[in-house]
Amino acid sequence: MTITLPLEPQKAAKLIAVAESKGMTADELVSQAVDKIIAEAPEAAAHNEPTLSLRSLLARYGIAPSAEEIDRNRADMFRNFPRSDF
């Protein structure tokens, strides 16, 4: 990928001078700076996963029980409620 970085002439000259003093090109110096920035960035910023809908989050639990199944389970759970042996 190519990124154009608008620099004032003084900054561009200083960047080239710093790069030459380190024995590299300005492109290599900027590439090192970008690599450092990317290395320090949090991992979450590197890959933004799409947000899932509520339906897709609950899909792993399978098909929801029908109203009749819910009524049967509720009747079974509360069959002995309230208990008189307390």
N, C-alpha and C. Protein backbone atom coordinates (compact mmCIF):
# COMPACT_ATOMS: atom_id res chain seq x y z
N MET A 1 0.85 -1.16 0.00
CA MET A 1 0.00 0.00 0.00
C MET A 1 0.90 1.23 0.00
N THR A 2 0.45 2.24 -0.66
CA THR A 2 1.18 3.50 -0.70
C THR A 2 0.39 4.55 0.05
N ILE A 3 1.06 5.23 0.96
CA ILE A 3 0.44 6.31 1.72
C ILE A 3 1.25 7.57 1.43
N THR A 4 0.55 8.64 1.08
CA THR A 4 1.20 9.91 0.84
C THR A 4 1.13 10.73 2.12
N LEU A 5 2.28 11.21 2.56
CA LEU A 5 2.36 11.98 3.79
C LEU A 5 2.78 13.40 3.45
N PRO A 6 1.88 14.36 3.57
CA PRO A 6 2.25 15.73 3.25
C PRO A 6 3.13 16.31 4.37
N LEU A 7 4.34 16.69 4.02
CA LEU A 7 5.27 17.27 4.98
C LEU A 7 5.72 18.64 4.50
N GLU A 8 5.94 19.52 5.45
CA GLU A 8 6.52 20.82 5.12
C GLU A 8 7.96 20.57 4.68
N PRO A 9 8.50 21.41 3.84
CA PRO A 9 9.87 21.20 3.33
C PRO A 9 10.91 21.05 4.45
N GLN A 10 10.75 21.79 5.54
CA GLN A 10 11.71 21.69 6.63
C GLN A 10 11.64 20.32 7.29
N LYS A 11 10.43 19.81 7.49
CA LYS A 11 10.27 18.49 8.11
C LYS A 11 10.78 17.40 7.19
N ALA A 12 10.51 17.53 5.90
CA ALA A 12 10.98 16.53 4.94
C ALA A 12 12.51 16.50 4.92
N ALA A 13 13.13 17.67 4.94
CA ALA A 13 14.60 17.73 4.93
C ALA A 13 15.16 17.12 6.21
N LYS A 14 14.53 17.41 7.34
CA LYS A 14 15.00 16.86 8.62
C LYS A 14 14.83 15.34 8.63
N LEU A 15 13.71 14.83 8.09
CA LEU A 15 13.47 13.39 8.02
C LEU A 15 14.54 12.71 7.17
N ILE A 16 14.85 13.29 6.04
CA ILE A 16 15.88 12.73 5.15
C ILE A 16 17.23 12.75 5.84
N ALA A 17 17.54 13.83 6.56
CA ALA A 17 18.82 13.94 7.26
C ALA A 17 18.95 12.89 8.35
N VAL A 18 17.87 12.69 9.11
CA VAL A 18 17.89 11.68 10.18
C VAL A 18 18.05 10.29 9.58
N ALA A 19 17.35 10.02 8.49
CA ALA A 19 17.44 8.71 7.83
C ALA A 19 18.86 8.47 7.33
N GLU A 20 19.47 9.47 6.69
CA GLU A 20 20.83 9.32 6.17
C GLU A 20 21.84 9.13 7.30
N SER A 21 21.59 9.80 8.44
CA SER A 21 22.52 9.63 9.57
C SER A 21 22.46 8.22 10.14
N LYS A 22 21.32 7.54 9.95
CA LYS A 22 21.17 6.16 10.40
C LYS A 22 21.51 5.16 9.30
N GLY A 23 21.90 5.66 8.14
CA GLY A 23 22.29 4.80 7.04
C GLY A 23 21.12 4.12 6.35
N MET A 24 20.00 4.80 6.27
CA MET A 24 18.81 4.23 5.61
C MET A 24 18.11 5.32 4.82
N THR A 25 17.12 4.89 4.04
CA THR A 25 16.33 5.86 3.29
C THR A 25 15.20 6.39 4.17
N ALA A 26 14.60 7.47 3.71
CA ALA A 26 13.48 8.05 4.46
C ALA A 26 12.32 7.06 4.51
N ASP A 27 12.11 6.31 3.42
CA ASP A 27 11.04 5.31 3.40
C ASP A 27 11.26 4.24 4.46
N GLU A 28 12.49 3.78 4.60
CA GLU A 28 12.80 2.76 5.59
C GLU A 28 12.60 3.29 7.01
N LEU A 29 12.99 4.54 7.24
CA LEU A 29 12.83 5.15 8.56
C LEU A 29 11.35 5.28 8.92
N VAL A 30 10.56 5.75 7.98
CA VAL A 30 9.12 5.89 8.22
C VAL A 30 8.48 4.51 8.41
N SER A 31 8.92 3.53 7.65
CA SER A 31 8.39 2.17 7.78
C SER A 31 8.69 1.61 9.17
N GLN A 32 9.89 1.87 9.70
CA GLN A 32 10.22 1.43 11.06
C GLN A 32 9.32 2.10 12.09
N ALA A 33 9.06 3.40 11.89
CA ALA A 33 8.20 4.14 12.82
C ALA A 33 6.78 3.57 12.80
N VAL A 34 6.29 3.27 11.61
CA VAL A 34 4.95 2.69 11.48
C VAL A 34 4.90 1.30 12.12
N ASP A 35 5.94 0.50 11.92
CA ASP A 35 5.99 -0.83 12.55
C ASP A 35 5.93 -0.72 14.06
N LYS A 36 6.63 0.26 14.61
CA LYS A 36 6.61 0.46 16.07
C LYS A 36 5.21 0.85 16.55
N ILE A 37 4.57 1.73 15.82
CA ILE A 37 3.21 2.16 16.19
C ILE A 37 2.25 0.97 16.14
N ILE A 38 2.35 0.16 15.11
CA ILE A 38 1.47 -1.00 14.96
C ILE A 38 1.73 -2.02 16.07
N ALA A 39 3.01 -2.21 16.43
CA ALA A 39 3.36 -3.17 17.48
C ALA A 39 2.80 -2.74 18.84
N GLU A 40 2.72 -1.45 19.08
CA GLU A 40 2.23 -0.94 20.35
C GLU A 40 0.71 -0.83 20.40
N ALA A 41 0.04 -0.95 19.27
CA ALA A 41 -1.42 -0.82 19.22
C ALA A 41 -2.07 -2.02 19.88
N PRO A 42 -3.19 -1.80 20.58
CA PRO A 42 -3.89 -2.94 21.19
C PRO A 42 -4.41 -3.89 20.13
N GLU A 43 -4.47 -5.16 20.48
CA GLU A 43 -4.90 -6.19 19.52
C GLU A 43 -6.34 -6.01 19.07
N ALA A 44 -7.17 -5.49 19.93
CA ALA A 44 -8.58 -5.34 19.56
C ALA A 44 -8.73 -4.40 18.38
N ALA A 45 -7.85 -3.42 18.27
CA ALA A 45 -7.95 -2.49 17.15
C ALA A 45 -7.52 -3.14 15.84
N ALA A 46 -6.74 -4.22 15.93
CA ALA A 46 -6.24 -4.87 14.73
C ALA A 46 -7.33 -5.59 13.95
N HIS A 47 -8.28 -6.19 14.65
CA HIS A 47 -9.34 -6.92 13.97
C HIS A 47 -10.67 -6.66 14.67
N ASN A 48 -11.44 -5.79 14.05
CA ASN A 48 -12.76 -5.48 14.57
C ASN A 48 -13.74 -6.51 14.03
N GLU A 49 -14.25 -7.32 14.93
CA GLU A 49 -15.21 -8.34 14.52
C GLU A 49 -16.60 -7.71 14.46
N PRO A 50 -17.40 -8.14 13.52
CA PRO A 50 -18.73 -7.55 13.42
C PRO A 50 -19.57 -7.90 14.63
N THR A 51 -20.46 -7.00 14.98
CA THR A 51 -21.36 -7.22 16.09
C THR A 51 -22.45 -8.21 15.67
N LEU A 52 -22.71 -9.18 16.51
CA LEU A 52 -23.72 -10.18 16.19
C LEU A 52 -25.08 -9.75 16.70
N SER A 53 -26.11 -10.14 15.99
CA SER A 53 -27.46 -9.83 16.43
C SER A 53 -27.83 -10.76 17.58
N LEU A 54 -28.87 -10.41 18.30
CA LEU A 54 -29.33 -11.23 19.42
C LEU A 54 -29.73 -12.62 18.94
N ARG A 55 -30.35 -12.68 17.79
CA ARG A 55 -30.78 -13.97 17.24
C ARG A 55 -29.57 -14.88 16.98
N SER A 56 -28.50 -14.31 16.41
CA SER A 56 -27.33 -15.14 16.13
C SER A 56 -26.60 -15.53 17.41
N LEU A 57 -26.64 -14.69 18.44
CA LEU A 57 -26.01 -15.04 19.71
C LEU A 57 -26.73 -16.21 20.38
N LEU A 58 -28.06 -16.26 20.25
CA LEU A 58 -28.84 -17.31 20.90
C LEU A 58 -29.00 -18.55 20.03
N ALA A 59 -28.55 -18.51 18.78
CA ALA A 59 -28.74 -19.63 17.86
C ALA A 59 -28.03 -20.89 18.34
N ARG A 60 -26.95 -20.75 19.09
CA ARG A 60 -26.21 -21.94 19.54
C ARG A 60 -27.01 -22.77 20.54
N TYR A 61 -28.06 -22.21 21.12
CA TYR A 61 -28.88 -22.95 22.08
C TYR A 61 -29.98 -23.77 21.42
N GLY A 62 -30.11 -23.67 20.13
CA GLY A 62 -31.09 -24.46 19.40
C GLY A 62 -32.46 -23.83 19.37
N ILE A 63 -33.42 -24.65 19.01
CA ILE A 63 -34.80 -24.18 18.85
C ILE A 63 -35.41 -23.93 20.23
N ALA A 64 -36.14 -22.84 20.35
CA ALA A 64 -36.79 -22.49 21.62
C ALA A 64 -37.95 -23.44 21.88
N PRO A 65 -38.25 -23.70 23.14
CA PRO A 65 -39.39 -24.57 23.44
C PRO A 65 -40.71 -23.89 23.05
N SER A 66 -41.68 -24.69 22.71
CA SER A 66 -42.99 -24.15 22.34
C SER A 66 -43.73 -23.70 23.60
N ALA A 67 -44.82 -22.99 23.41
CA ALA A 67 -45.62 -22.52 24.54
C ALA A 67 -46.17 -23.70 25.33
N GLU A 68 -46.54 -24.79 24.64
CA GLU A 68 -47.07 -25.97 25.33
C GLU A 68 -46.00 -26.61 26.19
N GLU A 69 -44.76 -26.70 25.68
CA GLU A 69 -43.67 -27.27 26.46
C GLU A 69 -43.37 -26.43 27.69
N ILE A 70 -43.42 -25.14 27.54
CA ILE A 70 -43.19 -24.25 28.68
C ILE A 70 -44.28 -24.45 29.73
N ASP A 71 -45.52 -24.55 29.28
CA ASP A 71 -46.63 -24.76 30.23
C ASP A 71 -46.48 -26.10 30.95
N ARG A 72 -46.12 -27.17 30.23
CA ARG A 72 -45.92 -28.47 30.88
C ARG A 72 -44.78 -28.43 31.90
N ASN A 73 -43.67 -27.80 31.53
CA ASN A 73 -42.55 -27.69 32.46
C ASN A 73 -42.91 -26.87 33.69
N ARG A 74 -43.64 -25.79 33.49
CA ARG A 74 -44.05 -24.95 34.62
C ARG A 74 -44.97 -25.73 35.54
N ALA A 75 -45.92 -26.47 34.97
CA ALA A 75 -46.83 -27.27 35.80
C ALA A 75 -46.08 -28.34 36.57
N ASP A 76 -45.08 -28.96 35.92
CA ASP A 76 -44.28 -29.99 36.57
C ASP A 76 -43.45 -29.39 37.71
N MET A 77 -42.87 -28.24 37.50
CA MET A 77 -42.03 -27.61 38.52
C MET A 77 -42.84 -27.19 39.75
N PHE A 78 -44.05 -26.71 39.53
CA PHE A 78 -44.85 -26.20 40.65
C PHE A 78 -45.93 -27.17 41.10
N ARG A 79 -45.77 -28.45 40.75
CA ARG A 79 -46.75 -29.45 41.12
C ARG A 79 -46.94 -29.53 42.63
N ASN A 80 -45.88 -29.50 43.40
CA ASN A 80 -45.96 -29.63 44.86
C ASN A 80 -45.78 -28.29 45.57
N PHE A 81 -46.11 -27.23 44.93
CA PHE A 81 -45.94 -25.91 45.53
C PHE A 81 -47.28 -25.35 45.88
N PRO A 82 -47.49 -24.76 46.98
CA PRO A 82 -46.65 -24.73 48.16
C PRO A 82 -46.76 -26.04 48.95
N ARG A 83 -45.65 -26.44 49.48
CA ARG A 83 -45.63 -27.68 50.23
C ARG A 83 -46.09 -27.40 51.66
N SER A 84 -46.78 -28.37 52.24
CA SER A 84 -47.29 -28.18 53.59
C SER A 84 -46.43 -28.87 54.64
N ASP A 85 -45.34 -29.54 54.23
CA ASP A 85 -44.52 -30.27 55.20
C ASP A 85 -43.39 -29.42 55.79
N PHE A 86 -43.40 -28.14 55.61
CA PHE A 86 -42.35 -27.30 56.19
C PHE A 86 -42.70 -26.86 57.56
